[in-house]
Amino acid sequence: MTDRFGLVAVELAEHSARLLGWRPGEFWDATPAELATALGLNRKTLATGIDRAALNQLMEHDNDADRR
């Protein structure tokens, strides 16, 4: 397992626990498609992406420079 995969997996497991009430076993037993469906994501939503204004807003909200 790469460091990047591990970090993303932990984040997704945390989101699944908080938003869906899933325990670790339920998270690891779910397929990526099941997780996406449970979170209300679908191909149409994912394919549309975001516009520049939304990206700028996310970048301002999650500015790592402020945390250093």
PDB file of N, CA and C in Angstrom:
ATOM      1  N   MET A   1       0.849  -1.174   0.000  1.00  0.00           N
ATOM      2  CA  MET A   1       0.000   0.000   0.000  1.00  0.00           C
ATOM      3  C   MET A   1       0.894   1.235   0.000  1.00  0.00           C
ATOM      4  N   THR A   2       0.611   2.155  -0.877  1.00  0.00           N
ATOM      5  CA  THR A   2       1.397   3.377  -0.923  1.00  0.00           C
ATOM      6  C   THR A   2       0.921   4.331   0.168  1.00  0.00           C
ATOM      7  N   ASP A   3       1.764   5.286   0.519  1.00  0.00           N
ATOM      8  CA  ASP A   3       1.383   6.282   1.523  1.00  0.00           C
ATOM      9  C   ASP A   3       0.158   7.061   1.079  1.00  0.00           C
ATOM     10  N   ARG A   4       0.132   7.426  -0.188  1.00  0.00           N
ATOM     11  CA  ARG A   4      -0.997   8.203  -0.712  1.00  0.00           C
ATOM     12  C   ARG A   4      -2.293   7.409  -0.618  1.00  0.00           C
ATOM     13  N   PHE A   5      -2.279   6.148  -1.029  1.00  0.00           N
ATOM     14  CA  PHE A   5      -3.480   5.323  -0.947  1.00  0.00           C
ATOM     15  C   PHE A   5      -3.938   5.208   0.501  1.00  0.00           C
ATOM     16  N   GLY A   6      -3.002   4.983   1.388  1.00  0.00           N
ATOM     17  CA  GLY A   6      -3.344   4.840   2.804  1.00  0.00           C
ATOM     18  C   GLY A   6      -4.012   6.081   3.367  1.00  0.00           C
ATOM     19  N   LEU A   7      -3.479   7.244   3.021  1.00  0.00           N
ATOM     20  CA  LEU A   7      -4.068   8.495   3.513  1.00  0.00           C
ATOM     21  C   LEU A   7      -5.466   8.713   2.962  1.00  0.00           C
ATOM     22  N   VAL A   8      -5.642   8.432   1.677  1.00  0.00           N
ATOM     23  CA  VAL A   8      -6.959   8.597   1.061  1.00  0.00           C
ATOM     24  C   VAL A   8      -7.942   7.590   1.648  1.00  0.00           C
ATOM     25  N   ALA A   9      -7.508   6.369   1.852  1.00  0.00           N
ATOM     26  CA  ALA A   9      -8.385   5.345   2.424  1.00  0.00           C
ATOM     27  C   ALA A   9      -8.841   5.741   3.822  1.00  0.00           C
ATOM     28  N   VAL A  10      -7.934   6.272   4.626  1.00  0.00           N
ATOM     29  CA  VAL A  10      -8.294   6.716   5.974  1.00  0.00           C
ATOM     30  C   VAL A  10      -9.306   7.851   5.912  1.00  0.00           C
ATOM     31  N   GLU A  11      -9.092   8.803   5.016  1.00  0.00           N
ATOM     32  CA  GLU A  11     -10.039   9.918   4.874  1.00  0.00           C
ATOM     33  C   GLU A  11     -11.414   9.420   4.450  1.00  0.00           C
ATOM     34  N   LEU A  12     -11.456   8.517   3.482  1.00  0.00           N
ATOM     35  CA  LEU A  12     -12.737   7.974   3.030  1.00  0.00           C
ATOM     36  C   LEU A  12     -13.425   7.174   4.131  1.00  0.00           C
ATOM     37  N   ALA A  13     -12.652   6.428   4.897  1.00  0.00           N
ATOM     38  CA  ALA A  13     -13.236   5.675   6.014  1.00  0.00           C
ATOM     39  C   ALA A  13     -13.823   6.625   7.056  1.00  0.00           C
ATOM     40  N   GLU A  14     -13.121   7.720   7.333  1.00  0.00           N
ATOM     41  CA  GLU A  14     -13.635   8.715   8.284  1.00  0.00           C
ATOM     42  C   GLU A  14     -14.934   9.339   7.778  1.00  0.00           C
ATOM     43  N   HIS A  15     -14.959   9.709   6.491  1.00  0.00           N
ATOM     44  CA  HIS A  15     -16.176  10.289   5.914  1.00  0.00           C
ATOM     45  C   HIS A  15     -17.327   9.285   5.965  1.00  0.00           C
ATOM     46  N   SER A  16     -17.022   8.034   5.675  1.00  0.00           N
ATOM     47  CA  SER A  16     -18.055   6.998   5.696  1.00  0.00           C
ATOM     48  C   SER A  16     -18.619   6.820   7.105  1.00  0.00           C
ATOM     49  N   ALA A  17     -17.754   6.896   8.079  1.00  0.00           N
ATOM     50  CA  ALA A  17     -18.217   6.761   9.466  1.00  0.00           C
ATOM     51  C   ALA A  17     -19.079   7.945   9.874  1.00  0.00           C
ATOM     52  N   ARG A  18     -18.618   9.137   9.562  1.00  0.00           N
ATOM     53  CA  ARG A  18     -19.354  10.339   9.968  1.00  0.00           C
ATOM     54  C   ARG A  18     -20.654  10.527   9.195  1.00  0.00           C
ATOM     55  N   LEU A  19     -20.588  10.375   7.885  1.00  0.00           N
ATOM     56  CA  LEU A  19     -21.754  10.677   7.047  1.00  0.00           C
ATOM     57  C   LEU A  19     -22.735   9.524   6.927  1.00  0.00           C
ATOM     58  N   LEU A  20     -22.216   8.306   6.948  1.00  0.00           N
ATOM     59  CA  LEU A  20     -23.066   7.142   6.705  1.00  0.00           C
ATOM     60  C   LEU A  20     -23.259   6.270   7.938  1.00  0.00           C
ATOM     61  N   GLY A  21     -22.451   6.500   8.966  1.00  0.00           N
ATOM     62  CA  GLY A  21     -22.526   5.666  10.160  1.00  0.00           C
ATOM     63  C   GLY A  21     -21.921   4.286   9.964  1.00  0.00           C
ATOM     64  N   TRP A  22     -21.070   4.158   8.935  1.00  0.00           N
ATOM     65  CA  TRP A  22     -20.458   2.865   8.649  1.00  0.00           C
ATOM     66  C   TRP A  22     -19.340   2.568   9.634  1.00  0.00           C
ATOM     67  N   ARG A  23     -19.265   1.308  10.032  1.00  0.00           N
ATOM     68  CA  ARG A  23     -18.131   0.826  10.826  1.00  0.00           C
ATOM     69  C   ARG A  23     -17.019   0.417   9.853  1.00  0.00           C
ATOM     70  N   PRO A  24     -15.788   0.234  10.338  1.00  0.00           N
ATOM     71  CA  PRO A  24     -14.684  -0.087   9.422  1.00  0.00           C
ATOM     72  C   PRO A  24     -14.960  -1.275   8.500  1.00  0.00           C
ATOM     73  N   GLY A  25     -15.547  -2.332   9.031  1.00  0.00           N
ATOM     74  CA  GLY A  25     -15.825  -3.504   8.201  1.00  0.00           C
ATOM     75  C   GLY A  25     -16.774  -3.203   7.059  1.00  0.00           C
ATOM     76  N   GLU A  26     -17.751  -2.351   7.313  1.00  0.00           N
ATOM     77  CA  GLU A  26     -18.702  -1.981   6.267  1.00  0.00           C
ATOM     78  C   GLU A  26     -18.013  -1.162   5.177  1.00  0.00           C
ATOM     79  N   PHE A  27     -17.102  -0.296   5.598  1.00  0.00           N
ATOM     80  CA  PHE A  27     -16.341   0.481   4.621  1.00  0.00           C
ATOM     81  C   PHE A  27     -15.493  -0.439   3.745  1.00  0.00           C
ATOM     82  N   TRP A  28     -14.727  -1.324   4.359  1.00  0.00           N
ATOM     83  CA  TRP A  28     -13.810  -2.171   3.601  1.00  0.00           C
ATOM     84  C   TRP A  28     -14.535  -3.215   2.769  1.00  0.00           C
ATOM     85  N   ASP A  29     -15.762  -3.587   3.162  1.00  0.00           N
ATOM     86  CA  ASP A  29     -16.541  -4.542   2.369  1.00  0.00           C
ATOM     87  C   ASP A  29     -17.224  -3.899   1.167  1.00  0.00           C
ATOM     88  N   ALA A  30     -17.354  -2.581   1.177  1.00  0.00           N
ATOM     89  CA  ALA A  30     -18.053  -1.879   0.095  1.00  0.00           C
ATOM     90  C   ALA A  30     -17.150  -1.733  -1.131  1.00  0.00           C
ATOM     91  N   THR A  31     -17.768  -1.801  -2.282  1.00  0.00           N
ATOM     92  CA  THR A  31     -17.035  -1.530  -3.521  1.00  0.00           C
ATOM     93  C   THR A  31     -16.977  -0.016  -3.723  1.00  0.00           C
ATOM     94  N   PRO A  32     -16.067   0.470  -4.554  1.00  0.00           N
ATOM     95  CA  PRO A  32     -16.048   1.907  -4.848  1.00  0.00           C
ATOM     96  C   PRO A  32     -17.400   2.418  -5.369  1.00  0.00           C
ATOM     97  N   ALA A  33     -18.063   1.614  -6.195  1.00  0.00           N
ATOM     98  CA  ALA A  33     -19.372   2.022  -6.725  1.00  0.00           C
ATOM     99  C   ALA A  33     -20.403   2.127  -5.605  1.00  0.00           C
ATOM    100  N   GLU A  34     -20.377   1.195  -4.661  1.00  0.00           N
ATOM    101  CA  GLU A  34     -21.320   1.242  -3.538  1.00  0.00           C
ATOM    102  C   GLU A  34     -21.058   2.463  -2.664  1.00  0.00           C
ATOM    103  N   LEU A  35     -19.789   2.766  -2.430  1.00  0.00           N
ATOM    104  CA  LEU A  35     -19.444   3.943  -1.635  1.00  0.00           C
ATOM    105  C   LEU A  35     -19.916   5.217  -2.334  1.00  0.00           C
ATOM    106  N   ALA A  36     -19.670   5.320  -3.626  1.00  0.00           N
ATOM    107  CA  ALA A  36     -20.097   6.500  -4.380  1.00  0.00           C
ATOM    108  C   ALA A  36     -21.609   6.656  -4.341  1.00  0.00           C
ATOM    109  N   THR A  37     -22.323   5.563  -4.504  1.00  0.00           N
ATOM    110  CA  THR A  37     -23.781   5.615  -4.458  1.00  0.00           C
ATOM    111  C   THR A  37     -24.267   6.025  -3.082  1.00  0.00           C
ATOM    112  N   ALA A  38     -23.687   5.456  -2.039  1.00  0.00           N
ATOM    113  CA  ALA A  38     -24.096   5.789  -0.672  1.00  0.00           C
ATOM    114  C   ALA A  38     -23.841   7.256  -0.349  1.00  0.00           C
ATOM    115  N   LEU A  39     -22.792   7.830  -0.934  1.00  0.00           N
ATOM    116  CA  LEU A  39     -22.474   9.235  -0.706  1.00  0.00           C
ATOM    117  C   LEU A  39     -23.235  10.171  -1.640  1.00  0.00           C
ATOM    118  N   GLY A  40     -24.057   9.595  -2.519  1.00  0.00           N
ATOM    119  CA  GLY A  40     -24.860  10.406  -3.422  1.00  0.00           C
ATOM    120  C   GLY A  40     -24.100  10.910  -4.631  1.00  0.00           C
ATOM    121  N   LEU A  41     -23.000  10.268  -4.932  1.00  0.00           N
ATOM    122  CA  LEU A  41     -22.219  10.639  -6.116  1.00  0.00           C
ATOM    123  C   LEU A  41     -22.641   9.746  -7.264  1.00  0.00           C
ATOM    124  N   ASN A  42     -22.670  10.288  -8.434  1.00  0.00           N
ATOM    125  CA  ASN A  42     -22.953   9.477  -9.608  1.00  0.00           C
ATOM    126  C   ASN A  42     -22.084   9.951 -10.751  1.00  0.00           C
ATOM    127  N   ARG A  43     -22.089   9.218 -11.813  1.00  0.00           N
ATOM    128  CA  ARG A  43     -21.196   9.551 -12.942  1.00  0.00           C
ATOM    129  C   ARG A  43     -21.503  10.925 -13.500  1.00  0.00           C
ATOM    130  N   LYS A  44     -22.773  11.283 -13.561  1.00  0.00           N
ATOM    131  CA  LYS A  44     -23.136  12.589 -14.099  1.00  0.00           C
ATOM    132  C   LYS A  44     -22.566  13.701 -13.222  1.00  0.00           C
ATOM    133  N   THR A  45     -22.682  13.548 -11.917  1.00  0.00           N
ATOM    134  CA  THR A  45     -22.142  14.545 -10.992  1.00  0.00           C
ATOM    135  C   THR A  45     -20.626  14.621 -11.111  1.00  0.00           C
ATOM    136  N   LEU A  46     -19.980  13.478 -11.163  1.00  0.00           N
ATOM    137  CA  LEU A  46     -18.521  13.451 -11.227  1.00  0.00           C
ATOM    138  C   LEU A  46     -18.002  13.964 -12.556  1.00  0.00           C
ATOM    139  N   ALA A  47     -18.738  13.734 -13.638  1.00  0.00           N
ATOM    140  CA  ALA A  47     -18.282  14.125 -14.958  1.00  0.00           C
ATOM    141  C   ALA A  47     -18.377  15.631 -15.194  1.00  0.00           C
ATOM    142  N   THR A  48     -19.255  16.304 -14.464  1.00  0.00           N
ATOM    143  CA  THR A  48     -19.437  17.724 -14.712  1.00  0.00           C
ATOM    144  C   THR A  48     -18.305  18.564 -14.152  1.00  0.00           C
ATOM    145  N   GLY A  49     -17.644  18.081 -13.124  1.00  0.00           N
ATOM    146  CA  GLY A  49     -16.545  18.829 -12.538  1.00  0.00           C
ATOM    147  C   GLY A  49     -17.013  20.098 -11.844  1.00  0.00           C
ATOM    148  N   ILE A  50     -16.089  21.016 -11.622  1.00  0.00           N
ATOM    149  CA  ILE A  50     -16.421  22.279 -10.973  1.00  0.00           C
ATOM    150  C   ILE A  50     -15.885  23.422 -11.816  1.00  0.00           C
ATOM    151  N   ASP A  51     -16.453  24.596 -11.611  1.00  0.00           N
ATOM    152  CA  ASP A  51     -15.978  25.753 -12.352  1.00  0.00           C
ATOM    153  C   ASP A  51     -14.845  26.441 -11.583  1.00  0.00           C
ATOM    154  N   ARG A  52     -14.243  27.439 -12.197  1.00  0.00           N
ATOM    155  CA  ARG A  52     -13.095  28.124 -11.607  1.00  0.00           C
ATOM    156  C   ARG A  52     -13.452  28.808 -10.290  1.00  0.00           C
ATOM    157  N   ALA A  53     -14.640  29.386 -10.198  1.00  0.00           N
ATOM    158  CA  ALA A  53     -15.058  30.067  -8.970  1.00  0.00           C
ATOM    159  C   ALA A  53     -15.142  29.076  -7.810  1.00  0.00           C
ATOM    160  N   ALA A  54     -15.696  27.896  -8.073  1.00  0.00           N
ATOM    161  CA  ALA A  54     -15.792  26.881  -7.023  1.00  0.00           C
ATOM    162  C   ALA A  54     -14.406  26.396  -6.609  1.00  0.00           C
ATOM    163  N   LEU A  55     -13.508  26.230  -7.581  1.00  0.00           N
ATOM    164  CA  LEU A  55     -12.137  25.822  -7.278  1.00  0.00           C
ATOM    165  C   LEU A  55     -11.442  26.871  -6.413  1.00  0.00           C
ATOM    166  N   ASN A  56     -11.584  28.138  -6.769  1.00  0.00           N
ATOM    167  CA  ASN A  56     -10.975  29.211  -5.976  1.00  0.00           C
ATOM    168  C   ASN A  56     -11.513  29.208  -4.549  1.00  0.00           C
ATOM    169  N   GLN A  57     -12.805  28.983  -4.397  1.00  0.00           N
ATOM    170  CA  GLN A  57     -13.410  28.952  -3.064  1.00  0.00           C
ATOM    171  C   GLN A  57     -12.834  27.801  -2.241  1.00  0.00           C
ATOM    172  N   LEU A  58     -12.681  26.629  -2.856  1.00  0.00           N
ATOM    173  CA  LEU A  58     -12.089  25.492  -2.153  1.00  0.00           C
ATOM    174  C   LEU A  58     -10.639  25.776  -1.772  1.00  0.00           C
ATOM    175  N   MET A  59      -9.911  26.401  -2.679  1.00  0.00           N
ATOM    176  CA  MET A  59      -8.506  26.709  -2.412  1.00  0.00           C
ATOM    177  C   MET A  59      -8.377  27.703  -1.261  1.00  0.00           C
ATOM    178  N   GLU A  60      -9.263  28.661  -1.188  1.00  0.00           N
ATOM    179  CA  GLU A  60      -9.235  29.622  -0.083  1.00  0.00           C
ATOM    180  C   GLU A  60      -9.594  28.942   1.234  1.00  0.00           C
ATOM    181  N   HIS A  61     -10.569  28.066   1.178  1.00  0.00           N
ATOM    182  CA  HIS A  61     -11.027  27.382   2.393  1.00  0.00           C
ATOM    183  C   HIS A  61      -9.965  26.440   2.942  1.00  0.00           C
ATOM    184  N   ASP A  62      -9.269  25.744   2.062  1.00  0.00           N
ATOM    185  CA  ASP A  62      -8.291  24.738   2.468  1.00  0.00           C
ATOM    186  C   ASP A  62      -6.861  25.182   2.198  1.00  0.00           C
ATOM    187  N   ASN A  63      -6.558  26.421   2.485  1.00  0.00           N
ATOM    188  CA  ASN A  63      -5.233  26.960   2.231  1.00  0.00           C
ATOM    189  C   ASN A  63      -4.243  26.421   3.258  1.00  0.00           C
ATOM    190  N   ASP A  64      -3.350  25.542   2.820  1.00  0.00           N
ATOM    191  CA  ASP A  64      -2.362  24.942   3.711  1.00  0.00           C
ATOM    192  C   ASP A  64      -1.345  25.959   4.212  1.00  0.00           C
ATOM    193  N   ALA A  65      -1.141  27.039   3.489  1.00  0.00           N
ATOM    194  CA  ALA A  65      -0.165  28.046   3.906  1.00  0.00           C
ATOM    195  C   ALA A  65      -0.564  28.663   5.247  1.00  0.00           C
ATOM    196  N   ASP A  66      -1.858  28.740   5.515  1.00  0.00           N
ATOM    197  CA  ASP A  66      -2.325  29.299   6.781  1.00  0.00           C
ATOM    198  C   ASP A  66      -2.025  28.395   7.963  1.00  0.00           C
ATOM    199  N   ARG A  67      -1.766  27.126   7.713  1.00  0.00           N
ATOM    200  CA  ARG A  67      -1.555  26.148   8.788  1.00  0.00           C
ATOM    201  C   ARG A  67      -0.090  25.963   9.142  1.00  0.00           C
ATOM    202  N   ARG A  68       0.787  26.610   8.428  1.00  0.00           N
ATOM    203  CA  ARG A  68       2.229  26.412   8.669  1.00  0.00           C
ATOM    204  C   ARG A  68       2.747  27.381   9.678  1.00  0.00           C
TER     205      ARG A  68
END
